[in-house]
């Protein structure tokens, strides 16, 4: 399985929306610029571990849980691209 920054951003965006948070609020809680969060969510920028840790904390979850969700979505996307889904 390869890391996919687009899927990581999608998962973060969905979690943020589910929690009723704007990019402005989440970025403020995570201590990053809103534009940085926007680039992470649209997949044009990869986040480092510290940034992902901060985002996970701001979403009130563990980094391991965030990464589990990213891994699940990545596996699903890989299966679908191979015609398994």
N, C-alpha and C. Protein backbone atom coordinates (compact mmCIF):
# COMPACT_ATOMS: atom_id res chain seq x y z
N UNK A 1 0.85 -1.17 0.00
CA UNK A 1 0.00 0.00 0.00
C UNK A 1 0.90 1.24 0.00
N UNK A 2 0.61 2.15 -0.89
CA UNK A 2 1.37 3.38 -0.99
C UNK A 2 0.63 4.52 -0.30
N UNK A 3 1.41 5.44 0.28
CA UNK A 3 0.80 6.62 0.91
C UNK A 3 0.16 7.49 -0.16
N UNK A 4 -1.02 7.98 0.13
CA UNK A 4 -1.74 8.82 -0.81
C UNK A 4 -2.19 10.09 -0.08
N UNK A 5 -1.55 11.21 -0.38
CA UNK A 5 -1.87 12.46 0.31
C UNK A 5 -3.28 12.94 -0.01
N UNK A 6 -3.79 12.61 -1.18
CA UNK A 6 -5.15 13.01 -1.55
C UNK A 6 -6.17 12.31 -0.66
N UNK A 7 -5.98 11.01 -0.44
CA UNK A 7 -6.90 10.26 0.43
C UNK A 7 -6.78 10.75 1.87
N UNK A 8 -5.57 11.01 2.32
CA UNK A 8 -5.37 11.53 3.67
C UNK A 8 -6.15 12.83 3.84
N UNK A 9 -6.05 13.71 2.88
CA UNK A 9 -6.77 14.98 2.93
C UNK A 9 -8.27 14.79 2.91
N UNK A 10 -8.74 13.84 2.10
CA UNK A 10 -10.18 13.57 2.04
C UNK A 10 -10.70 13.09 3.40
N UNK A 11 -9.96 12.20 4.03
CA UNK A 11 -10.37 11.68 5.33
C UNK A 11 -10.43 12.81 6.35
N UNK A 12 -9.42 13.66 6.37
CA UNK A 12 -9.41 14.80 7.29
C UNK A 12 -10.60 15.71 7.02
N UNK A 13 -10.87 15.99 5.76
CA UNK A 13 -11.99 16.85 5.40
C UNK A 13 -13.33 16.27 5.84
N UNK A 14 -13.51 14.98 5.66
CA UNK A 14 -14.76 14.32 6.07
C UNK A 14 -14.90 14.38 7.58
N UNK A 15 -13.84 14.06 8.30
CA UNK A 15 -13.90 14.10 9.77
C UNK A 15 -14.20 15.52 10.26
N UNK A 16 -13.58 16.50 9.65
CA UNK A 16 -13.81 17.90 10.02
C UNK A 16 -15.28 18.27 9.80
N UNK A 17 -15.81 17.89 8.65
CA UNK A 17 -17.20 18.20 8.32
C UNK A 17 -18.16 17.48 9.26
N UNK A 18 -17.88 16.21 9.55
CA UNK A 18 -18.73 15.44 10.46
C UNK A 18 -18.80 16.09 11.84
N UNK A 19 -17.73 16.76 12.22
CA UNK A 19 -17.69 17.42 13.53
C UNK A 19 -18.21 18.85 13.48
N UNK A 20 -18.68 19.27 12.30
CA UNK A 20 -19.25 20.60 12.15
C UNK A 20 -18.22 21.72 12.27
N UNK A 21 -16.99 21.42 11.87
CA UNK A 21 -15.92 22.41 11.99
C UNK A 21 -15.58 23.01 10.63
N UNK A 22 -15.28 24.28 10.62
CA UNK A 22 -14.78 24.92 9.41
C UNK A 22 -13.27 24.69 9.34
N UNK A 23 -12.69 24.94 8.17
CA UNK A 23 -11.24 24.87 8.05
C UNK A 23 -10.58 25.87 8.99
N UNK A 24 -11.21 27.02 9.14
CA UNK A 24 -10.67 28.06 10.02
C UNK A 24 -10.58 27.56 11.46
N UNK A 25 -11.63 26.91 11.93
CA UNK A 25 -11.65 26.41 13.31
C UNK A 25 -10.63 25.28 13.49
N UNK A 26 -10.65 24.29 12.59
CA UNK A 26 -9.73 23.16 12.73
C UNK A 26 -8.28 23.63 12.64
N UNK A 27 -7.98 24.48 11.70
CA UNK A 27 -6.59 24.96 11.57
C UNK A 27 -6.16 25.73 12.81
N UNK A 28 -7.08 26.51 13.38
CA UNK A 28 -6.76 27.24 14.60
C UNK A 28 -6.48 26.30 15.76
N UNK A 29 -7.31 25.28 15.93
CA UNK A 29 -7.10 24.31 17.00
C UNK A 29 -5.80 23.51 16.80
N UNK A 30 -5.45 23.27 15.54
CA UNK A 30 -4.25 22.50 15.23
C UNK A 30 -2.99 23.37 15.20
N UNK A 31 -3.17 24.69 15.21
CA UNK A 31 -2.02 25.59 15.19
C UNK A 31 -1.33 25.67 13.84
N UNK A 32 -2.11 25.53 12.77
CA UNK A 32 -1.55 25.66 11.42
C UNK A 32 -2.37 26.68 10.65
N UNK A 33 -1.83 27.17 9.56
CA UNK A 33 -2.55 28.14 8.74
C UNK A 33 -3.72 27.47 8.02
N UNK A 34 -4.81 28.21 7.85
CA UNK A 34 -5.97 27.67 7.14
C UNK A 34 -5.60 27.26 5.73
N UNK A 35 -4.74 28.04 5.07
CA UNK A 35 -4.32 27.70 3.71
C UNK A 35 -3.53 26.39 3.69
N UNK A 36 -2.76 26.14 4.73
CA UNK A 36 -2.00 24.89 4.83
C UNK A 36 -2.98 23.71 4.95
N UNK A 37 -3.99 23.86 5.82
CA UNK A 37 -5.00 22.82 5.96
C UNK A 37 -5.73 22.59 4.65
N UNK A 38 -6.07 23.66 3.95
CA UNK A 38 -6.76 23.52 2.66
C UNK A 38 -5.92 22.73 1.68
N UNK A 39 -4.62 22.98 1.64
CA UNK A 39 -3.74 22.24 0.72
C UNK A 39 -3.63 20.78 1.13
N UNK A 40 -3.63 20.50 2.43
CA UNK A 40 -3.61 19.11 2.90
C UNK A 40 -4.90 18.41 2.49
N UNK A 41 -6.03 19.09 2.71
CA UNK A 41 -7.32 18.48 2.39
C UNK A 41 -7.50 18.24 0.89
N UNK A 42 -6.94 19.10 0.05
CA UNK A 42 -7.12 18.87 -1.39
C UNK A 42 -6.00 18.02 -1.99
N UNK A 43 -5.07 17.57 -1.14
CA UNK A 43 -4.03 16.64 -1.58
C UNK A 43 -2.86 17.27 -2.28
N UNK A 44 -2.79 18.59 -2.34
CA UNK A 44 -1.67 19.24 -3.02
C UNK A 44 -0.45 19.37 -2.11
N UNK A 45 -0.62 19.09 -0.82
CA UNK A 45 0.50 19.14 0.12
C UNK A 45 0.40 17.96 1.07
N UNK A 46 1.53 17.31 1.30
CA UNK A 46 1.58 16.23 2.28
C UNK A 46 1.91 16.81 3.64
N UNK A 47 1.22 16.33 4.64
CA UNK A 47 1.48 16.78 6.01
C UNK A 47 2.54 15.90 6.65
N UNK A 48 3.40 16.51 7.46
CA UNK A 48 4.38 15.71 8.21
C UNK A 48 3.70 15.12 9.44
N UNK A 49 4.41 14.28 10.16
CA UNK A 49 3.82 13.57 11.30
C UNK A 49 3.36 14.55 12.37
N UNK A 50 4.15 15.58 12.65
CA UNK A 50 3.75 16.53 13.68
C UNK A 50 2.44 17.23 13.30
N UNK A 51 2.30 17.61 12.04
CA UNK A 51 1.07 18.28 11.60
C UNK A 51 -0.11 17.33 11.68
N UNK A 52 0.08 16.09 11.26
CA UNK A 52 -1.00 15.10 11.37
C UNK A 52 -1.37 14.86 12.83
N UNK A 53 -0.38 14.85 13.71
CA UNK A 53 -0.63 14.68 15.14
C UNK A 53 -1.49 15.82 15.66
N UNK A 54 -1.14 17.05 15.28
CA UNK A 54 -1.89 18.23 15.71
C UNK A 54 -3.32 18.21 15.17
N UNK A 55 -3.47 17.81 13.92
CA UNK A 55 -4.80 17.73 13.33
C UNK A 55 -5.64 16.68 14.05
N UNK A 56 -5.04 15.52 14.30
CA UNK A 56 -5.76 14.45 15.02
C UNK A 56 -6.20 14.94 16.40
N UNK A 57 -5.31 15.60 17.12
CA UNK A 57 -5.68 16.13 18.44
C UNK A 57 -6.82 17.13 18.33
N UNK A 58 -6.76 17.99 17.33
CA UNK A 58 -7.81 18.99 17.13
C UNK A 58 -9.14 18.33 16.78
N UNK A 59 -9.09 17.15 16.17
CA UNK A 59 -10.29 16.38 15.84
C UNK A 59 -10.72 15.48 17.00
N UNK A 60 -10.00 15.59 18.12
CA UNK A 60 -10.29 14.82 19.33
C UNK A 60 -10.16 13.32 19.07
N UNK A 61 -9.04 12.95 18.45
CA UNK A 61 -8.77 11.54 18.19
C UNK A 61 -7.28 11.29 18.26
N UNK A 62 -6.91 10.04 18.35
CA UNK A 62 -5.49 9.67 18.34
C UNK A 62 -4.99 9.66 16.89
N UNK A 63 -3.70 9.93 16.74
CA UNK A 63 -3.09 9.86 15.41
C UNK A 63 -3.26 8.46 14.83
N UNK A 64 -3.14 7.43 15.67
CA UNK A 64 -3.28 6.05 15.19
C UNK A 64 -4.67 5.81 14.61
N UNK A 65 -5.69 6.42 15.20
CA UNK A 65 -7.06 6.25 14.68
C UNK A 65 -7.20 6.96 13.34
N UNK A 66 -6.64 8.15 13.24
CA UNK A 66 -6.68 8.87 11.96
C UNK A 66 -5.98 8.04 10.88
N UNK A 67 -4.81 7.50 11.19
CA UNK A 67 -4.06 6.71 10.21
C UNK A 67 -4.78 5.41 9.87
N UNK A 68 -5.50 4.82 10.83
CA UNK A 68 -6.27 3.62 10.54
C UNK A 68 -7.35 3.93 9.50
N UNK A 69 -8.02 5.06 9.67
CA UNK A 69 -9.05 5.46 8.71
C UNK A 69 -8.44 5.73 7.33
N UNK A 70 -7.28 6.36 7.31
CA UNK A 70 -6.59 6.62 6.03
C UNK A 70 -6.20 5.30 5.38
N UNK A 71 -5.68 4.36 6.16
CA UNK A 71 -5.31 3.05 5.61
C UNK A 71 -6.51 2.31 5.04
N UNK A 72 -7.63 2.35 5.76
CA UNK A 72 -8.84 1.69 5.27
C UNK A 72 -9.29 2.29 3.94
N UNK A 73 -9.31 3.61 3.87
CA UNK A 73 -9.74 4.29 2.64
C UNK A 73 -8.77 4.02 1.50
N UNK A 74 -7.47 3.95 1.80
CA UNK A 74 -6.46 3.67 0.78
C UNK A 74 -6.62 2.25 0.26
N UNK A 75 -6.83 1.30 1.16
CA UNK A 75 -7.04 -0.09 0.74
C UNK A 75 -8.28 -0.21 -0.14
N UNK A 76 -9.34 0.48 0.26
CA UNK A 76 -10.57 0.47 -0.52
C UNK A 76 -10.34 1.04 -1.91
N UNK A 77 -9.61 2.12 -1.99
CA UNK A 77 -9.33 2.75 -3.29
C UNK A 77 -8.48 1.83 -4.16
N UNK A 78 -7.51 1.15 -3.55
CA UNK A 78 -6.67 0.22 -4.31
C UNK A 78 -7.48 -0.96 -4.82
N UNK A 79 -8.37 -1.49 -3.98
CA UNK A 79 -9.22 -2.61 -4.43
C UNK A 79 -10.10 -2.17 -5.59
N UNK A 80 -10.68 -0.99 -5.48
CA UNK A 80 -11.56 -0.49 -6.53
C UNK A 80 -10.81 -0.24 -7.83
N UNK A 81 -9.56 0.21 -7.72
CA UNK A 81 -8.78 0.47 -8.94
C UNK A 81 -8.38 -0.82 -9.64
N UNK A 82 -8.36 -1.93 -8.89
CA UNK A 82 -8.01 -3.23 -9.47
C UNK A 82 -9.24 -4.01 -9.89
N UNK A 83 -10.42 -3.40 -9.71
CA UNK A 83 -11.65 -4.05 -10.10
C UNK A 83 -12.17 -5.05 -9.10
N UNK A 84 -11.70 -4.97 -7.85
CA UNK A 84 -12.14 -5.91 -6.82
C UNK A 84 -13.36 -5.42 -6.07
N UNK A 85 -13.70 -4.15 -6.22
CA UNK A 85 -14.77 -3.60 -5.41
C UNK A 85 -16.02 -3.48 -6.17
